[in-house]
């Protein structure tokens, strides 16, 4: 066998194994996620604990009143000892509260103690990536429900997770959608975003940031707004749902496919609010996206909820292919609106006009003998 073919076969095997691993993770997804469930995915993350509890934990694990002086304990958890001071300065920093503990070290400490992850969760103050800023105060258990689906749907729509630094971002000019995303995120990570207002510009032009505000009620009317969250938020979402958004690469992962209907409804609703449109005058309910594969995956999600969309089509605009699919027919309109719906009051009003228009038409009344 040629070397090029061997490489190709190996790549295919690795890809297949990666998919199998993701699928197995998806099958294990719970309705409620606790801190312990996230530990394997957050080993480089740092945690800040109630200082009194942390000192009791260290004393219990080291079987010593001065854990930083216990060289055997320091060695077992991987902390260097200063030979001159005969002390583990890292452990001393934890005890004094000016250093945070990494999950990898904390795992070893818990294994040596009489405490468990539930105790850690109860005494949790915040977590962050490494020793840098950008800490959050997650609220456990994290519920995998319709609201969580809405967060993922908005990220797949007008949101993003940066390719390089994995910071989380959501952008929109609709205050209703901005408030929805803000509220759902706050209920999970316990903090609000950094809010930046963009200058007004034409759709195809790049925009500059105009100013930062501290409240969504203070944003100027008609301006696009960006909500920014620290990397740890993306890390948690990746731990739960796989890498579903990274730069321009967005997809429905096996973890998402295997979640329940409530989560999927929240996801589709948010995605439709961002990327969908309703026109009662032309009897059109449409999903738009430049990512053809993502639209095909959305169709699969809709079908799993009993809604039958049309196939993905394309058109050319400014020498670029754009993709969309439609939902047609009264039955499909009605099912989508009443089982999934939308947050945008403008879309909601147009949807109701469409349903009533079709329902009151002569053709509809004749067909259903109303």
Protein backbone atom coordinates (compact mmCIF):
# COMPACT_ATOMS: atom_id res chain seq x y z
CA UNK A 1 0.00 0.00 0.00
CA UNK A 2 1.28 3.49 -0.91
CA UNK A 3 2.25 5.84 1.93
CA UNK A 4 -0.38 8.40 0.83
CA UNK A 5 -3.10 5.74 1.04
CA UNK A 6 -1.89 4.63 4.49
CA UNK A 7 -2.13 8.24 5.71
CA UNK A 8 -5.62 8.55 4.22
CA UNK A 9 -6.79 5.32 5.91
CA UNK A 10 -5.34 6.44 9.25
CA UNK A 11 -7.05 9.82 8.95
CA UNK A 12 -10.37 8.10 8.27
CA UNK A 13 -9.91 5.84 11.29
CA UNK A 14 -9.06 8.80 13.54
CA UNK A 15 -12.10 10.72 12.29
CA UNK A 16 -14.33 7.70 12.86
CA UNK A 17 -12.95 7.19 16.39
CA UNK A 18 -13.44 10.91 17.13
CA UNK A 19 -17.10 10.63 16.07
CA UNK A 20 -17.57 7.48 18.20
CA UNK A 21 -16.07 9.27 21.24
CA UNK A 22 -18.37 12.27 20.69
CA UNK A 23 -21.37 9.97 20.28
CA UNK A 24 -20.58 8.14 23.52
CA UNK A 25 -20.30 11.46 25.34
CA UNK A 26 -23.64 12.49 23.87
CA UNK A 27 -25.35 9.38 25.23
CA UNK A 28 -24.13 10.25 28.72
CA UNK A 29 -25.63 13.77 28.73
CA UNK A 30 -27.74 14.47 31.80
CA UNK A 31 -30.62 16.87 32.33
CA UNK A 32 -28.69 18.42 35.21
CA UNK A 33 -24.92 18.88 35.20
CA UNK A 34 -22.91 19.27 38.41
CA UNK A 35 -19.39 20.60 38.95
CA UNK A 36 -17.99 17.07 39.19
CA UNK A 37 -19.29 16.31 35.67
CA UNK A 38 -17.20 19.15 34.25
CA UNK A 39 -13.93 18.35 36.04
CA UNK A 40 -12.42 16.08 33.30
CA UNK A 41 -12.84 18.89 30.73
CA UNK A 42 -11.61 21.75 32.91
CA UNK A 43 -8.31 20.52 34.33
CA UNK A 44 -6.45 23.76 33.48
CA UNK A 45 -9.22 25.91 34.91
CA UNK A 46 -8.71 27.63 38.27
CA UNK A 47 -11.20 27.74 41.12
CA UNK A 48 -11.70 30.18 43.98
CA UNK A 49 -13.17 28.69 47.16
CA UNK A 50 -14.43 29.99 50.49
CA UNK A 51 -11.13 30.56 52.31
CA UNK A 52 -12.16 28.96 55.61
CA UNK A 53 -13.33 25.82 53.81
CA UNK A 54 -10.18 25.68 51.64
CA UNK A 55 -7.94 25.74 54.70
CA UNK A 56 -9.96 22.95 56.35
CA UNK A 57 -9.73 20.93 53.13
CA UNK A 58 -5.94 21.35 52.91
CA UNK A 59 -5.46 20.45 56.57
CA UNK A 60 -7.65 17.38 56.18
CA UNK A 61 -5.90 16.21 53.00
CA UNK A 62 -2.38 16.80 54.38
CA UNK A 63 -3.21 15.56 57.90
CA UNK A 64 -1.33 18.62 59.11
CA UNK A 65 -2.13 22.03 60.65
CA UNK A 66 0.43 23.58 58.31
CA UNK A 67 -0.14 21.99 54.90
CA UNK A 68 2.46 24.22 53.21
CA UNK A 69 5.14 22.77 55.53
CA UNK A 70 4.21 19.16 54.76
CA UNK A 71 6.75 18.30 52.06
CA UNK A 72 5.31 14.83 51.41
CA UNK A 73 1.85 16.31 50.83
CA UNK A 74 3.29 18.98 48.53
CA UNK A 75 5.10 16.31 46.53
CA UNK A 76 1.96 14.14 46.20
CA UNK A 77 -0.11 16.99 44.73
CA UNK A 78 2.72 18.27 42.53
CA UNK A 79 3.68 21.52 44.28
CA UNK A 80 7.38 22.51 44.48
CA UNK A 81 8.95 23.21 47.88
CA UNK A 82 11.24 26.18 48.53
CA UNK A 83 14.32 24.57 50.11
CA UNK A 84 15.39 27.70 51.94
CA UNK A 85 11.96 28.38 53.45
CA UNK A 86 11.08 24.68 53.71
CA UNK A 87 7.64 25.63 52.48
CA UNK A 88 5.46 25.10 49.41
CA UNK A 89 4.79 28.72 48.45
CA UNK A 90 1.95 27.74 46.09
CA UNK A 91 0.03 26.03 48.90
CA UNK A 92 0.74 28.98 51.21
CA UNK A 93 -0.68 31.29 48.52
CA UNK A 94 -3.88 29.19 48.43
CA UNK A 95 -4.21 29.39 52.21
CA UNK A 96 -3.76 33.18 52.21
CA UNK A 97 -6.24 33.63 49.37
CA UNK A 98 -4.00 35.35 46.80
CA UNK A 99 -3.67 32.25 44.60
CA UNK A 100 -6.41 30.15 43.03
CA UNK A 101 -6.32 26.35 42.79
CA UNK A 102 -6.30 24.53 39.46
CA UNK A 103 -8.79 21.71 38.96
CA UNK A 104 -5.91 19.29 38.32
CA UNK A 105 -4.40 20.05 41.75
CA UNK A 106 -7.80 20.14 43.43
CA UNK A 107 -8.60 16.65 42.11
CA UNK A 108 -5.49 15.28 43.84
CA UNK A 109 -6.31 17.14 47.07
CA UNK A 110 -9.86 15.75 47.17
CA UNK A 111 -8.56 12.22 46.60
CA UNK A 112 -6.39 12.60 49.71
CA UNK A 113 -9.19 14.07 51.84
CA UNK A 114 -12.54 13.12 53.38
CA UNK A 115 -14.32 15.72 51.23
CA UNK A 116 -16.02 15.36 47.83
CA UNK A 117 -16.95 17.51 44.82
CA UNK A 118 -20.33 18.35 46.29
CA UNK A 119 -18.51 20.06 49.18
CA UNK A 120 -16.42 21.98 46.63
CA UNK A 121 -19.54 23.01 44.74
CA UNK A 122 -21.19 24.29 47.93
CA UNK A 123 -18.15 26.44 48.78
CA UNK A 124 -17.43 27.64 45.25
CA UNK A 125 -16.94 31.39 44.76
CA UNK A 126 -15.78 31.55 41.15
CA UNK A 127 -13.88 29.79 38.36
CA UNK A 128 -11.69 31.18 35.60
CA UNK A 129 -9.23 30.11 32.92
CA UNK A 130 -5.72 29.93 34.36
CA UNK A 131 -4.61 32.74 36.63
CA UNK A 132 -6.02 35.45 34.34
CA UNK A 133 -9.13 37.53 34.93
CA UNK A 134 -12.54 36.73 33.47
CA UNK A 135 -14.04 34.76 36.31
CA UNK A 136 -17.61 33.54 36.54
CA UNK A 137 -19.78 32.21 39.35
CA UNK A 138 -21.70 29.30 37.78
CA UNK A 139 -24.95 28.20 39.37
CA UNK A 140 -25.18 24.43 39.83
CA UNK A 141 -26.75 22.26 38.76
CA UNK A 142 -26.59 23.57 35.19
CA UNK A 143 -29.88 22.60 33.56
CA UNK A 144 -29.83 21.29 29.99
CA UNK A 145 -33.21 22.73 29.07
CA UNK A 146 -34.92 25.05 26.58
CA UNK A 147 -33.06 28.11 27.92
CA UNK A 148 -29.71 26.40 27.44
CA UNK A 149 -30.85 25.44 23.93
CA UNK A 150 -31.58 29.13 23.32
CA UNK A 151 -27.99 30.06 24.24
CA UNK A 152 -26.57 27.49 21.80
CA UNK A 153 -29.05 28.53 19.08
CA UNK A 154 -28.08 32.20 19.38
CA UNK A 155 -24.37 31.34 19.19
CA UNK A 156 -25.05 29.31 16.03
CA UNK A 157 -26.98 32.30 14.70
CA UNK A 158 -25.63 35.79 15.33
CA UNK A 159 -23.15 34.74 17.99
CA UNK A 160 -19.66 33.28 17.80
CA UNK A 161 -16.86 31.65 19.74
CA UNK A 162 -13.49 33.05 18.69
CA UNK A 163 -11.16 30.78 16.75
CA UNK A 164 -8.02 31.88 18.59
CA UNK A 165 -8.98 32.90 22.15
CA UNK A 166 -12.39 31.12 22.36
CA UNK A 167 -14.10 34.18 23.83
CA UNK A 168 -17.89 34.11 23.54
CA UNK A 169 -19.74 36.86 21.67
CA UNK A 170 -23.35 37.59 20.75
CA UNK A 171 -24.39 40.48 18.52
CA UNK A 172 -27.80 41.87 17.55
CA UNK A 173 -29.77 45.09 17.19
CA UNK A 174 -32.97 43.57 18.62
CA UNK A 175 -33.10 44.45 22.33
CA UNK A 176 -35.54 41.57 23.01
CA UNK A 177 -32.99 39.03 21.77
CA UNK A 178 -30.08 40.71 23.56
CA UNK A 179 -32.01 40.63 26.84
CA UNK A 180 -32.98 36.99 26.30
CA UNK A 181 -29.36 35.95 25.76
CA UNK A 182 -28.16 38.07 28.69
CA UNK A 183 -30.77 36.63 31.08
CA UNK A 184 -30.17 33.00 30.10
CA UNK A 185 -26.39 33.37 30.39
CA UNK A 186 -26.63 35.15 33.75
CA UNK A 187 -28.77 32.28 35.11
CA UNK A 188 -25.98 29.84 34.24
CA UNK A 189 -22.66 31.66 34.71
CA UNK A 190 -23.79 34.16 37.35
CA UNK A 191 -22.35 37.25 35.63
CA UNK A 192 -23.37 39.78 33.01
CA UNK A 193 -21.45 40.57 29.79
CA UNK A 194 -19.32 43.47 28.70
CA UNK A 195 -21.71 45.49 26.50
CA UNK A 196 -20.39 47.39 23.49
CA UNK A 197 -22.43 49.52 21.06
CA UNK A 198 -21.43 49.63 17.39
CA UNK A 199 -21.56 52.62 15.09
CA UNK A 200 -24.30 52.57 12.47
CA UNK A 201 -23.17 51.49 9.01
CA UNK A 202 -24.32 49.76 5.87
CA UNK A 203 -24.71 45.99 6.06
CA UNK A 204 -21.62 45.18 3.99
CA UNK A 205 -19.33 47.66 5.79
CA UNK A 206 -17.15 46.87 8.76
CA UNK A 207 -18.24 48.73 11.86
CA UNK A 208 -16.32 50.28 14.73
CA UNK A 209 -17.20 50.13 18.40
CA UNK A 210 -18.82 53.37 19.48
CA UNK A 211 -18.91 53.06 23.26
CA UNK A 212 -19.31 50.69 26.19
CA UNK A 213 -22.46 50.77 28.34
CA UNK A 214 -23.26 49.02 31.62
CA UNK A 215 -26.94 48.30 30.96
CA UNK A 216 -28.95 47.08 27.97
CA UNK A 217 -31.58 49.72 28.72
CA UNK A 218 -28.98 52.38 27.91
CA UNK A 219 -28.18 51.30 24.36
CA UNK A 220 -29.02 53.82 21.60
CA UNK A 221 -32.02 52.85 19.45
CA UNK A 222 -31.23 51.09 16.16
CA UNK A 223 -27.58 50.33 16.94
CA UNK A 224 -26.05 46.89 16.81
CA UNK A 225 -24.78 45.70 20.20
CA UNK A 226 -22.16 43.12 21.16
CA UNK A 227 -22.25 41.07 24.37
CA UNK A 228 -18.82 39.71 25.36
CA UNK A 229 -18.14 36.85 27.81
CA UNK A 230 -14.84 35.32 29.06
CA UNK A 231 -13.29 32.14 27.66
CA UNK A 232 -14.40 30.00 30.62
CA UNK A 233 -18.00 30.28 29.34
CA UNK A 234 -16.97 28.73 26.02
CA UNK A 235 -15.00 26.01 27.83
CA UNK A 236 -18.10 24.98 29.77
CA UNK A 237 -20.29 24.99 26.65
CA UNK A 238 -17.69 22.89 24.80
CA UNK A 239 -17.56 20.44 27.71
CA UNK A 240 -21.34 20.04 27.47
CA UNK A 241 -21.99 20.14 23.72
CA UNK A 242 -18.69 19.56 21.92
CA UNK A 243 -17.08 22.13 19.62
CA UNK A 244 -20.28 23.37 17.96
CA UNK A 245 -18.99 26.86 17.07
CA UNK A 246 -15.38 27.87 16.45
CA UNK A 247 -14.81 30.91 14.29
CA UNK A 248 -16.92 30.52 11.14
CA UNK A 249 -17.16 26.76 11.64
CA UNK A 250 -20.58 26.06 13.16
CA UNK A 251 -22.35 22.71 13.36
CA UNK A 252 -24.82 20.51 15.19
CA UNK A 253 -22.69 18.06 17.18
CA UNK A 254 -23.67 14.49 18.19
CA UNK A 255 -24.13 15.80 21.75
CA UNK A 256 -26.78 18.25 20.51
CA UNK A 257 -28.51 15.72 18.23
CA UNK A 258 -29.07 13.38 21.18
CA UNK A 259 -30.64 15.96 23.49
CA UNK A 260 -34.37 16.15 24.20
CA UNK A 261 -37.11 18.11 22.43
CA UNK A 262 -37.16 21.03 24.89
CA UNK A 263 -33.49 21.79 24.27
CA UNK A 264 -33.95 21.52 20.50
CA UNK A 265 -36.98 23.81 20.58
CA UNK A 266 -34.95 26.49 22.39
CA UNK A 267 -32.09 26.10 19.92
CA UNK A 268 -34.29 26.35 16.80
CA UNK A 269 -36.31 29.24 18.23
CA UNK A 270 -33.16 31.31 18.91
CA UNK A 271 -31.58 30.41 15.56
CA UNK A 272 -34.81 31.41 13.76
CA UNK A 273 -34.94 34.72 15.65
CA UNK A 274 -31.41 35.44 14.40
CA UNK A 275 -31.43 33.89 10.93
CA UNK A 276 -35.09 33.52 9.97
CA UNK A 277 -37.78 35.66 8.39
CA UNK A 278 -41.56 35.66 8.02
CA UNK A 279 -43.47 37.30 5.16
CA UNK A 280 -47.24 37.09 5.34
CA UNK A 281 -47.62 38.80 1.94
CA UNK A 282 -45.66 36.05 0.15
CA UNK A 283 -46.59 33.18 2.50
CA UNK A 284 -42.93 32.63 3.36
CA UNK A 285 -41.23 31.28 6.48
CA UNK A 286 -37.52 31.09 5.74
CA UNK A 287 -34.21 30.17 7.39
CA UNK A 288 -31.13 31.90 5.86
CA UNK A 289 -27.49 30.98 6.33
CA UNK A 290 -24.24 30.99 4.34
CA UNK A 291 -23.41 27.62 5.93
CA UNK A 292 -25.26 25.03 3.82
CA UNK A 293 -24.32 22.12 6.06
CA UNK A 294 -25.68 23.87 9.16
CA UNK A 295 -29.01 24.49 7.39
CA UNK A 296 -29.23 20.80 6.48
CA UNK A 297 -28.62 19.93 10.13
CA UNK A 298 -31.37 22.37 11.18
CA UNK A 299 -33.75 20.50 8.88
CA UNK A 300 -32.88 17.27 10.70
CA UNK A 301 -33.67 18.94 14.06
CA UNK A 302 -36.98 20.28 12.73
CA UNK A 303 -37.97 16.86 11.40
CA UNK A 304 -37.23 15.34 14.80
CA UNK A 305 -39.89 17.74 16.17
CA UNK A 306 -42.46 16.72 13.55
CA UNK A 307 -42.01 19.69 11.20
CA UNK A 308 -41.25 19.06 7.51
CA UNK A 309 -39.28 21.89 5.87
CA UNK A 310 -38.42 22.14 2.17
CA UNK A 311 -34.92 21.27 0.94
CA UNK A 312 -32.01 23.71 1.02
CA UNK A 313 -31.83 26.01 -2.01
CA UNK A 314 -29.38 28.70 -3.07
CA UNK A 315 -29.17 32.03 -4.85
CA UNK A 316 -26.30 34.27 -5.85
CA UNK A 317 -25.79 37.67 -4.27
CA UNK A 318 -22.71 39.80 -4.91
CA UNK A 319 -20.96 36.84 -6.55
CA UNK A 320 -21.47 34.69 -3.46
CA UNK A 321 -23.76 31.70 -2.97
CA UNK A 322 -26.34 32.19 -0.23
CA UNK A 323 -28.44 29.33 1.16
CA UNK A 324 -31.94 29.05 2.60
CA UNK A 325 -34.84 26.68 3.14
CA UNK A 326 -38.55 27.39 3.49
CA UNK A 327 -41.31 26.06 5.69
CA UNK A 328 -44.54 25.94 3.67
CA UNK A 329 -48.17 24.96 4.21
CA UNK A 330 -50.61 25.79 6.99
CA UNK A 331 -49.90 22.62 8.97
CA UNK A 332 -46.15 23.36 9.10
CA UNK A 333 -46.65 27.09 9.85
CA UNK A 334 -49.04 26.24 12.66
CA UNK A 335 -46.83 23.53 14.20
CA UNK A 336 -43.72 25.69 14.08
CA UNK A 337 -45.40 28.75 15.57
CA UNK A 338 -47.17 26.92 18.40
CA UNK A 339 -44.48 24.36 19.33
CA UNK A 340 -41.35 26.50 18.74
CA UNK A 341 -42.34 30.10 18.11
CA UNK A 342 -40.08 33.14 18.31
CA UNK A 343 -39.03 35.83 20.79
CA UNK A 344 -39.00 38.76 18.36
CA UNK A 345 -42.34 40.57 18.71
CA UNK A 346 -42.05 41.77 15.10
CA UNK A 347 -41.66 38.21 13.78
CA UNK A 348 -44.40 37.00 16.12
CA UNK A 349 -46.88 39.55 14.77
CA UNK A 350 -46.02 38.68 11.16
CA UNK A 351 -46.35 34.96 11.94
CA UNK A 352 -49.84 35.47 13.36
CA UNK A 353 -50.82 37.49 10.26
CA UNK A 354 -49.57 34.66 8.03
CA UNK A 355 -51.45 31.92 9.91
CA UNK A 356 -54.69 33.92 10.01
CA UNK A 357 -54.35 34.91 6.35
CA UNK A 358 -53.99 31.29 5.23
CA UNK A 359 -56.67 30.07 7.63
CA UNK A 360 -59.21 32.62 6.38
CA UNK A 361 -58.49 32.11 2.69
CA UNK A 362 -61.19 30.65 0.43
CA UNK A 363 -58.83 27.91 -0.71
CA UNK A 364 -58.17 26.78 2.86
CA UNK A 365 -61.86 26.87 3.84
CA UNK A 366 -62.78 24.91 0.73
CA UNK A 367 -60.08 22.30 1.34
CA UNK A 368 -61.04 21.75 4.99
CA UNK A 369 -64.79 22.46 4.52
CA UNK A 370 -64.86 25.23 7.13
